[in-house]
Each structure stands twice: as C-alpha cells, then as structure tokens.
Amino acid sequence: MRHGKKFNHLSRKAAHRKAMLANMACSLIEHKRIKTTLAKAKALRVYVEPLITKSKDDTTHSRRTVFSYLKQKQAITELFSDVATKIADRPGGYTRILKLSNRLGDNAQMAFIELVDYNEEYTTDKPKRKKARRAKSKKVEDVAPAVEEAVVVEDAPVVEETPVVTEAKETTNNSEEKEEKGE
C-alpha cells in the first residue's frame, strides 16, 4: 500500500531522482537561479529548503548532514558562507518559483526557481510610501487667499460679462405670471 506517500517521483527510480535533485540543488546554490520544468522546481523546493535551514547553524554536524545530500564541496562552501549569511534572519521560504511559458519540444510547463534574497528586482530596498489619506474638504476661507494671489496680466484685454437670459427662464416667468393672474 502507498498510503501517505505524496511526493512526485518524476518518472525516475529513487537513486536517479536523488542524484538529479542533488545536482539541481548544487546548481541552484551556485547560480542562484535555474530554469527547469515546473514539476522539478516544486520537487527541488521541498529538497533544498531544509538544507538551507540547516546551513544557518554552521557546525561540523550540519555540514556533514548537508554534504550527505549534496556531495559537492564547492556548493557546501558557498551555502554555508554566502547564502547562510544572507538568509540568516529569514524564517523560511528561501526559494521562489516563477512560471514561464511551455517548452517548445514537448510542451512541458517551464519555471524559474531562484533564491529569494538574490533577485535584485524584488529585493531592492525602496522607500516605503506613506499611506494615502483622504484630504479634508476645503473651506471657502482656505480657497479665497489662493484667488487673491493670482497673477494679473496687464496686457490682456478686459472683457465685460453680460448676463445671458435664456428662454427657459422667460417661459417659467410667463407661467408664474399667468398663475398669479388666475389664468
């Protein structure tokens, strides 16, 4: 029975799968970002995140434990020196998976898997915006000083405005007059 066994076998035998994930994890640590299929990226995330957590504690035991998984001395040196210092305060979630378009040959769904703290586009320390608040409605007194400070151009011709009487007002006035007369 296979109750409770829910990891992806990736169509490989156990030894092949372990070797492939170890090589992919070393490549991820070395290059900080790799392109692979979505299924392999998800399997790699489960494989590599506990190893990165182990690298926070730089002891001989943790180095030997990680070496039993990765088998490459350069990757372990990089992991314990550079990567561990950068992720020291992060409680988890060291990798990010970004989906890409499908592969041309077999239409497999592709993805980037990357170490979170090494992507400059997402990690630049931008100044935080202040929360926008609604402006209170301006009173007439606040607007009046702004009108007084307006620039007056002397060369511009002055046009006098004449009141325009519309026919709608005249018809309403006529109807009111008729009501007063009793018509």
C-alpha atoms as a PDB file:
ATOM      1  CA  MET A   1       0.000   0.000   0.000  1.00  0.00           C
ATOM      2  CA  ARG A   2       1.114   3.566  -0.647  1.00  0.00           C
ATOM      3  CA  HIS A   3      -0.878   5.439   1.963  1.00  0.00           C
ATOM      4  CA  GLY A   4       0.558   8.843   2.864  1.00  0.00           C
ATOM      5  CA  LYS A   5       3.293   8.827   0.199  1.00  0.00           C
ATOM      6  CA  LYS A   6       2.591  12.020  -1.702  1.00  0.00           C
ATOM      7  CA  PHE A   7       5.833  13.257  -3.263  1.00  0.00           C
ATOM      8  CA  ASN A   8       6.396  13.395  -7.001  1.00  0.00           C
ATOM      9  CA  HIS A   9       8.537  10.533  -8.324  1.00  0.00           C
ATOM     10  CA  LEU A  10       9.314  12.494 -11.533  1.00  0.00           C
ATOM     11  CA  SER A  11       9.231   9.258 -13.605  1.00  0.00           C
ATOM     12  CA  ARG A  12      12.571   8.122 -12.175  1.00  0.00           C
ATOM     13  CA  LYS A  13      13.872   5.444  -9.836  1.00  0.00           C
ATOM     14  CA  ALA A  14      14.919   6.554  -6.348  1.00  0.00           C
ATOM     15  CA  ALA A  15      18.684   6.692  -6.996  1.00  0.00           C
ATOM     16  CA  HIS A  16      18.250   8.661 -10.233  1.00  0.00           C
ATOM     17  CA  ARG A  17      15.812  11.069  -8.576  1.00  0.00           C
ATOM     18  CA  LYS A  18      18.121  11.713  -5.596  1.00  0.00           C
ATOM     19  CA  ALA A  19      21.125  12.319  -7.853  1.00  0.00           C
ATOM     20  CA  MET A  20      19.145  14.659 -10.102  1.00  0.00           C
ATOM     21  CA  LEU A  21      17.798  16.700  -7.166  1.00  0.00           C
ATOM     22  CA  ALA A  22      21.267  16.882  -5.599  1.00  0.00           C
ATOM     23  CA  ASN A  23      22.739  18.205  -8.868  1.00  0.00           C
ATOM     24  CA  MET A  24      19.907  20.696  -9.297  1.00  0.00           C
ATOM     25  CA  ALA A  25      20.312  21.893  -5.705  1.00  0.00           C
ATOM     26  CA  CYS A  26      24.053  22.440  -6.249  1.00  0.00           C
ATOM     27  CA  SER A  27      23.322  24.366  -9.435  1.00  0.00           C
ATOM     28  CA  LEU A  28      20.743  26.486  -7.620  1.00  0.00           C
ATOM     29  CA  ILE A  29      23.198  27.310  -4.840  1.00  0.00           C
ATOM     30  CA  GLU A  30      25.963  28.119  -7.318  1.00  0.00           C
ATOM     31  CA  HIS A  31      23.957  30.142  -9.859  1.00  0.00           C
ATOM     32  CA  LYS A  32      21.175  31.410  -7.530  1.00  0.00           C
ATOM     33  CA  ARG A  33      18.604  30.855 -10.290  1.00  0.00           C
ATOM     34  CA  ILE A  34      17.935  27.930 -12.648  1.00  0.00           C
ATOM     35  CA  LYS A  35      15.376  27.178 -15.337  1.00  0.00           C
ATOM     36  CA  THR A  36      13.641  23.807 -15.204  1.00  0.00           C
ATOM     37  CA  THR A  37      10.205  22.240 -15.505  1.00  0.00           C
ATOM     38  CA  LEU A  38       7.558  23.219 -13.002  1.00  0.00           C
ATOM     39  CA  ALA A  39       7.318  19.715 -11.520  1.00  0.00           C
ATOM     40  CA  LYS A  40      11.082  19.520 -10.953  1.00  0.00           C
ATOM     41  CA  ALA A  41      11.099  23.023  -9.461  1.00  0.00           C
ATOM     42  CA  LYS A  42       8.420  22.062  -6.949  1.00  0.00           C
ATOM     43  CA  ALA A  43      10.304  18.884  -6.030  1.00  0.00           C
ATOM     44  CA  LEU A  44      13.554  20.846  -5.730  1.00  0.00           C
ATOM     45  CA  ARG A  45      11.961  23.357  -3.374  1.00  0.00           C
ATOM     46  CA  VAL A  46      10.987  20.561  -0.974  1.00  0.00           C
ATOM     47  CA  TYR A  47      14.516  19.128  -1.266  1.00  0.00           C
ATOM     48  CA  VAL A  48      16.624  22.270  -0.855  1.00  0.00           C
ATOM     49  CA  GLU A  49      14.785  24.379   1.731  1.00  0.00           C
ATOM     50  CA  PRO A  50      15.570  22.083   4.707  1.00  0.00           C
ATOM     51  CA  LEU A  51      19.221  22.111   3.621  1.00  0.00           C
ATOM     52  CA  ILE A  52      19.269  25.906   3.595  1.00  0.00           C
ATOM     53  CA  THR A  53      17.715  25.904   7.066  1.00  0.00           C
ATOM     54  CA  LYS A  54      20.500  23.566   8.236  1.00  0.00           C
ATOM     55  CA  SER A  55      23.100  25.969   6.833  1.00  0.00           C
ATOM     56  CA  LYS A  56      22.074  28.670   9.319  1.00  0.00           C
ATOM     57  CA  ASP A  57      23.799  26.669  12.058  1.00  0.00           C
ATOM     58  CA  ASP A  58      27.427  26.348  10.934  1.00  0.00           C
ATOM     59  CA  THR A  59      28.574  23.277  12.838  1.00  0.00           C
ATOM     60  CA  THR A  60      30.505  20.210  11.739  1.00  0.00           C
ATOM     61  CA  HIS A  61      27.419  18.067  12.162  1.00  0.00           C
ATOM     62  CA  SER A  62      25.226  20.294   9.981  1.00  0.00           C
ATOM     63  CA  ARG A  63      27.961  20.489   7.307  1.00  0.00           C
ATOM     64  CA  ARG A  64      28.235  16.693   7.220  1.00  0.00           C
ATOM     65  CA  THR A  65      24.461  16.298   7.081  1.00  0.00           C
ATOM     66  CA  VAL A  66      24.191  18.701   4.131  1.00  0.00           C
ATOM     67  CA  PHE A  67      27.185  17.041   2.437  1.00  0.00           C
ATOM     68  CA  SER A  68      25.371  13.689   2.592  1.00  0.00           C
ATOM     69  CA  TYR A  69      22.663  15.256   0.407  1.00  0.00           C
ATOM     70  CA  LEU A  70      24.662  17.476  -1.962  1.00  0.00           C
ATOM     71  CA  LYS A  71      28.012  15.689  -2.470  1.00  0.00           C
ATOM     72  CA  GLN A  72      29.827  18.804  -3.815  1.00  0.00           C
ATOM     73  CA  LYS A  73      32.301  20.604  -1.623  1.00  0.00           C
ATOM     74  CA  GLN A  74      32.126  23.908  -3.563  1.00  0.00           C
ATOM     75  CA  ALA A  75      28.343  24.077  -3.214  1.00  0.00           C
ATOM     76  CA  ILE A  76      28.518  23.448   0.518  1.00  0.00           C
ATOM     77  CA  THR A  77      31.190  26.121   0.980  1.00  0.00           C
ATOM     78  CA  GLU A  78      29.020  28.590  -0.943  1.00  0.00           C
ATOM     79  CA  LEU A  79      25.917  27.576   1.006  1.00  0.00           C
ATOM     80  CA  PHE A  80      27.433  27.938   4.469  1.00  0.00           C
ATOM     81  CA  SER A  81      29.384  31.118   3.767  1.00  0.00           C
ATOM     82  CA  ASP A  82      27.463  33.336   1.349  1.00  0.00           C
ATOM     83  CA  VAL A  83      23.890  32.049   1.318  1.00  0.00           C
ATOM     84  CA  ALA A  84      23.601  31.424   5.073  1.00  0.00           C
ATOM     85  CA  THR A  85      24.646  34.978   5.945  1.00  0.00           C
ATOM     86  CA  LYS A  86      22.113  36.459   3.547  1.00  0.00           C
ATOM     87  CA  ILE A  87      19.158  34.378   4.786  1.00  0.00           C
ATOM     88  CA  ALA A  88      20.060  34.435   8.485  1.00  0.00           C
ATOM     89  CA  ASP A  89      17.026  36.456   9.577  1.00  0.00           C
ATOM     90  CA  ARG A  90      14.520  34.834   7.185  1.00  0.00           C
ATOM     91  CA  PRO A  91      12.281  32.269   8.938  1.00  0.00           C
ATOM     92  CA  GLY A  92      11.635  30.168   5.810  1.00  0.00           C
ATOM     93  CA  GLY A  93      10.573  30.433   2.193  1.00  0.00           C
ATOM     94  CA  TYR A  94      14.071  30.714   0.747  1.00  0.00           C
ATOM     95  CA  THR A  95      13.094  29.915  -2.844  1.00  0.00           C
ATOM     96  CA  ARG A  96      10.683  31.431  -5.329  1.00  0.00           C
ATOM     97  CA  ILE A  97       9.147  29.703  -8.357  1.00  0.00           C
ATOM     98  CA  LEU A  98       8.265  31.881 -11.349  1.00  0.00           C
ATOM     99  CA  LYS A  99       6.198  30.189 -14.049  1.00  0.00           C
ATOM    100  CA  LEU A 100       7.245  30.564 -17.671  1.00  0.00           C
ATOM    101  CA  SER A 101       5.728  29.551 -20.989  1.00  0.00           C
ATOM    102  CA  ASN A 102       5.640  25.965 -22.171  1.00  0.00           C
ATOM    103  CA  ARG A 103       8.700  24.315 -23.717  1.00  0.00           C
ATOM    104  CA  LEU A 104       8.714  24.175 -27.491  1.00  0.00           C
ATOM    105  CA  GLY A 105       9.584  20.484 -27.937  1.00  0.00           C
ATOM    106  CA  ASP A 106       7.253  18.644 -25.564  1.00  0.00           C
ATOM    107  CA  ASN A 107       5.022  21.464 -24.287  1.00  0.00           C
ATOM    108  CA  ALA A 108       6.213  20.950 -20.701  1.00  0.00           C
ATOM    109  CA  GLN A 109       5.453  23.850 -18.382  1.00  0.00           C
ATOM    110  CA  MET A 110       8.707  25.642 -17.529  1.00  0.00           C
ATOM    111  CA  ALA A 111       9.649  27.687 -14.476  1.00  0.00           C
ATOM    112  CA  PHE A 112      12.492  29.599 -12.868  1.00  0.00           C
ATOM    113  CA  ILE A 113      13.405  28.623  -9.338  1.00  0.00           C
ATOM    114  CA  GLU A 114      15.558  31.154  -7.539  1.00  0.00           C
ATOM    115  CA  LEU A 115      16.847  32.060  -4.123  1.00  0.00           C
ATOM    116  CA  VAL A 116      14.642  34.868  -2.841  1.00  0.00           C
ATOM    117  CA  ASP A 117      17.316  37.175  -1.436  1.00  0.00           C
ATOM    118  CA  TYR A 118      19.370  37.222  -4.637  1.00  0.00           C
ATOM    119  CA  ASN A 119      16.816  38.675  -7.059  1.00  0.00           C
ATOM    120  CA  GLU A 120      17.616  42.398  -7.250  1.00  0.00           C
ATOM    121  CA  GLU A 121      14.277  43.308  -8.859  1.00  0.00           C
ATOM    122  CA  TYR A 122      12.319  42.135  -5.823  1.00  0.00           C
ATOM    123  CA  THR A 123      14.757  42.890  -3.010  1.00  0.00           C
ATOM    124  CA  THR A 124      15.808  46.485  -3.652  1.00  0.00           C
ATOM    125  CA  ASP A 125      15.054  48.495  -0.551  1.00  0.00           C
ATOM    126  CA  LYS A 126      12.601  51.012  -1.885  1.00  0.00           C
ATOM    127  CA  PRO A 127      11.435  53.729   0.478  1.00  0.00           C
ATOM    128  CA  LYS A 128       8.049  52.804   1.809  1.00  0.00           C
ATOM    129  CA  ARG A 129       5.210  55.022   0.710  1.00  0.00           C
ATOM    130  CA  LYS A 130       3.235  56.807   3.337  1.00  0.00           C
ATOM    131  CA  LYS A 131      -0.313  55.641   3.478  1.00  0.00           C
ATOM    132  CA  ALA A 132      -2.515  57.912   1.416  1.00  0.00           C
ATOM    133  CA  ARG A 133      -5.204  59.617   3.410  1.00  0.00           C
ATOM    134  CA  ARG A 134      -8.239  61.371   2.135  1.00  0.00           C
ATOM    135  CA  ALA A 135      -7.919  65.127   2.045  1.00  0.00           C
ATOM    136  CA  LYS A 136     -10.470  67.037   4.035  1.00  0.00           C
ATOM    137  CA  SER A 137     -12.845  69.194   2.016  1.00  0.00           C
ATOM    138  CA  LYS A 138     -11.501  72.706   1.602  1.00  0.00           C
ATOM    139  CA  LYS A 139     -13.406  75.548   3.145  1.00  0.00           C
ATOM    140  CA  VAL A 140     -14.180  78.728   1.238  1.00  0.00           C
ATOM    141  CA  GLU A 141     -11.809  80.660   3.510  1.00  0.00           C
ATOM    142  CA  ASP A 142      -8.911  78.359   2.528  1.00  0.00           C
ATOM    143  CA  VAL A 143      -9.577  78.832  -1.179  1.00  0.00           C
ATOM    144  CA  ALA A 144     -10.022  82.643  -1.063  1.00  0.00           C
ATOM    145  CA  PRO A 145      -6.340  83.526  -0.335  1.00  0.00           C
ATOM    146  CA  ALA A 146      -5.286  81.443  -3.333  1.00  0.00           C
ATOM    147  CA  VAL A 147      -7.532  83.555  -5.574  1.00  0.00           C
ATOM    148  CA  GLU A 148      -6.054  86.802  -4.274  1.00  0.00           C
ATOM    149  CA  GLU A 149      -2.540  85.647  -5.146  1.00  0.00           C
ATOM    150  CA  ALA A 150      -3.433  85.098  -8.789  1.00  0.00           C
ATOM    151  CA  VAL A 151      -1.196  86.806 -11.346  1.00  0.00           C
ATOM    152  CA  VAL A 152      -2.800  89.716 -13.166  1.00  0.00           C
ATOM    153  CA  VAL A 153      -1.703  90.294 -16.738  1.00  0.00           C
ATOM    154  CA  GLU A 154      -1.973  93.966 -17.730  1.00  0.00           C
ATOM    155  CA  ASP A 155      -1.708  93.485 -21.496  1.00  0.00           C
ATOM    156  CA  ALA A 156      -4.715  91.194 -21.726  1.00  0.00           C
ATOM    157  CA  PRO A 157      -7.935  92.845 -22.947  1.00  0.00           C
ATOM    158  CA  VAL A 158     -10.686  93.100 -20.366  1.00  0.00           C
ATOM    159  CA  VAL A 159     -13.996  91.627 -21.438  1.00  0.00           C
ATOM    160  CA  GLU A 160     -17.102  92.608 -19.532  1.00  0.00           C
ATOM    161  CA  GLU A 161     -19.529  89.818 -18.934  1.00  0.00           C
ATOM    162  CA  THR A 162     -23.174  90.463 -19.610  1.00  0.00           C
ATOM    163  CA  PRO A 163     -25.857  88.306 -18.063  1.00  0.00           C
ATOM    164  CA  VAL A 164     -27.410  85.923 -20.533  1.00  0.00           C
ATOM    165  CA  VAL A 165     -31.134  85.450 -20.306  1.00  0.00           C
ATOM    166  CA  THR A 166     -32.372  82.133 -21.560  1.00  0.00           C
ATOM    167  CA  GLU A 167     -35.744  81.409 -22.991  1.00  0.00           C
ATOM    168  CA  ALA A 168     -36.399  78.741 -20.361  1.00  0.00           C
ATOM    169  CA  LYS A 169     -36.401  81.392 -17.661  1.00  0.00           C
ATOM    170  CA  GLU A 170     -38.753  83.582 -19.655  1.00  0.00           C
ATOM    171  CA  THR A 171     -41.219  80.756 -20.124  1.00  0.00           C
ATOM    172  CA  THR A 172     -41.163  79.955 -16.434  1.00  0.00           C
ATOM    173  CA  ASN A 173     -41.658  83.629 -15.610  1.00  0.00           C
ATOM    174  CA  ASN A 174     -44.631  83.807 -18.010  1.00  0.00           C
ATOM    175  CA  SER A 175     -46.209  80.723 -16.482  1.00  0.00           C
ATOM    176  CA  GLU A 176     -45.763  82.172 -12.986  1.00  0.00           C
ATOM    177  CA  GLU A 177     -47.360  85.446 -14.065  1.00  0.00           C
ATOM    178  CA  LYS A 178     -50.303  83.553 -15.535  1.00  0.00           C
ATOM    179  CA  GLU A 179     -50.797  81.660 -12.261  1.00  0.00           C
ATOM    180  CA  GLU A 180     -50.783  84.931 -10.318  1.00  0.00           C
ATOM    181  CA  LYS A 181     -53.421  86.412 -12.590  1.00  0.00           C
ATOM    182  CA  GLY A 182     -55.530  83.310 -12.192  1.00  0.00           C
ATOM    183  CA  GLU A 183     -55.498  82.212 -15.780  1.00  0.00           C
END
